[in-house]
């Protein structure tokens, strides 16, 4: 792939890669969903990796506008070897998680 400048706000602060499923946490910082989920759930971390503030709500809000901008940028730069990111699957709800856990008992 040719060297191409990726807009910095398309890059996840954790993985340092182009975000595929950007989500925003309660501190207002946007991360790639897979990276922030791993950060929050694997190490019992409760602080935002960028601001170090406690994340008051574990809900991850999809950043649809940023995802569309990233997809458009990828499409425009396809001639440079940039692949378009797929549209992410909808996240599982808390009710679905509870049902799965209850069913597993």
Protein backbone atom coordinates (compact mmCIF):
# COMPACT_ATOMS: atom_id res chain seq x y z
CA UNK A 1 0.00 0.00 0.00
CA UNK A 2 1.26 3.49 -0.84
CA UNK A 3 2.09 5.71 2.10
CA UNK A 4 -1.03 7.74 2.80
CA UNK A 5 -1.80 10.16 5.60
CA UNK A 6 -4.74 8.93 7.64
CA UNK A 7 -6.70 11.70 9.38
CA UNK A 8 -5.68 11.47 13.06
CA UNK A 9 -9.26 11.43 14.34
CA UNK A 10 -9.84 8.16 12.41
CA UNK A 11 -7.21 6.44 14.59
CA UNK A 12 -8.13 4.63 17.80
CA UNK A 13 -6.07 5.95 20.75
CA UNK A 14 -5.64 2.39 22.04
CA UNK A 15 -4.89 0.28 18.94
CA UNK A 16 -3.45 3.14 16.85
CA UNK A 17 -5.32 1.69 13.86
CA UNK A 18 -8.21 3.03 11.77
CA UNK A 19 -11.41 2.51 13.74
CA UNK A 20 -13.85 -0.04 12.32
CA UNK A 21 -16.65 0.53 14.85
CA UNK A 22 -16.10 3.88 16.59
CA UNK A 23 -17.87 4.29 19.94
CA UNK A 24 -17.80 7.13 22.44
CA UNK A 25 -17.48 6.64 26.21
CA UNK A 26 -18.89 8.90 28.93
CA UNK A 27 -15.71 11.03 28.95
CA UNK A 28 -16.38 12.06 25.34
CA UNK A 29 -13.44 10.18 23.84
CA UNK A 30 -14.04 7.88 20.85
CA UNK A 31 -12.37 4.46 20.53
CA UNK A 32 -12.74 1.42 18.32
CA UNK A 33 -15.33 -0.82 20.01
CA UNK A 34 -13.10 -3.93 20.14
CA UNK A 35 -10.22 -1.99 21.72
CA UNK A 36 -12.21 -0.21 24.43
CA UNK A 37 -14.20 -3.36 25.26
CA UNK A 38 -10.96 -5.26 25.73
CA UNK A 39 -9.59 -2.39 27.86
CA UNK A 40 -12.69 -2.22 30.06
CA UNK A 41 -13.44 -5.90 30.49
CA UNK A 42 -10.10 -7.71 30.43
CA UNK A 43 -8.29 -5.76 33.11
CA UNK A 44 -11.18 -4.44 35.17
CA UNK A 45 -10.13 -0.94 34.10
CA UNK A 46 -12.62 1.80 34.97
CA UNK A 47 -10.69 4.85 33.77
CA UNK A 48 -10.62 6.36 30.31
CA UNK A 49 -7.22 5.55 28.74
CA UNK A 50 -6.87 9.11 27.39
CA UNK A 51 -8.31 11.35 30.11
CA UNK A 52 -7.74 9.00 33.08
CA UNK A 53 -11.22 10.01 34.31
CA UNK A 54 -13.49 7.30 35.69
CA UNK A 55 -15.89 6.08 33.03
CA UNK A 56 -19.20 6.70 34.79
CA UNK A 57 -21.32 4.62 32.44
CA UNK A 58 -20.11 1.49 30.68
CA UNK A 59 -22.48 2.13 27.78
CA UNK A 60 -20.61 2.58 24.52
CA UNK A 61 -22.41 5.00 22.19
CA UNK A 62 -21.90 4.30 18.48
CA UNK A 63 -20.37 7.27 16.65
CA UNK A 64 -22.25 6.85 13.37
CA UNK A 65 -21.04 10.13 11.87
CA UNK A 66 -17.39 9.24 12.37
CA UNK A 67 -17.97 5.72 11.02
CA UNK A 68 -19.53 7.17 7.84
CA UNK A 69 -16.65 9.63 7.45
CA UNK A 70 -14.13 6.81 7.80
CA UNK A 71 -16.02 4.65 5.29
CA UNK A 72 -16.18 7.52 2.79
CA UNK A 73 -12.48 8.25 3.23
CA UNK A 74 -11.64 4.57 2.72
CA UNK A 75 -13.74 4.49 -0.46
CA UNK A 76 -12.07 7.64 -1.81
CA UNK A 77 -8.62 6.19 -1.09
CA UNK A 78 -9.28 2.70 -2.47
CA UNK A 79 -6.82 3.41 -5.30
CA UNK A 80 -4.10 3.65 -2.63
CA UNK A 81 -4.94 0.18 -1.32
CA UNK A 82 -7.23 1.34 1.50
CA UNK A 83 -10.05 -1.13 2.07
CA UNK A 84 -13.52 0.06 3.05
CA UNK A 85 -14.44 -0.92 6.59
CA UNK A 86 -17.57 -3.08 6.90
CA UNK A 87 -20.68 -1.80 8.63
CA UNK A 88 -20.56 -3.25 12.14
CA UNK A 89 -23.20 -5.57 13.50
CA UNK A 90 -25.48 -4.00 16.10
CA UNK A 91 -24.18 -4.49 19.64
CA UNK A 92 -25.86 -6.94 21.97
CA UNK A 93 -28.20 -5.31 24.49
CA UNK A 94 -28.01 -5.65 28.27
CA UNK A 95 -31.32 -7.55 28.19
CA UNK A 96 -29.88 -10.04 25.68
CA UNK A 97 -26.78 -10.53 27.85
CA UNK A 98 -28.94 -11.14 30.93
CA UNK A 99 -31.05 -13.67 29.03
CA UNK A 100 -27.95 -15.48 27.76
CA UNK A 101 -26.52 -15.65 31.28
CA UNK A 102 -29.82 -16.90 32.71
CA UNK A 103 -30.10 -19.54 29.98
CA UNK A 104 -26.54 -20.69 30.67
CA UNK A 105 -27.34 -21.47 34.33
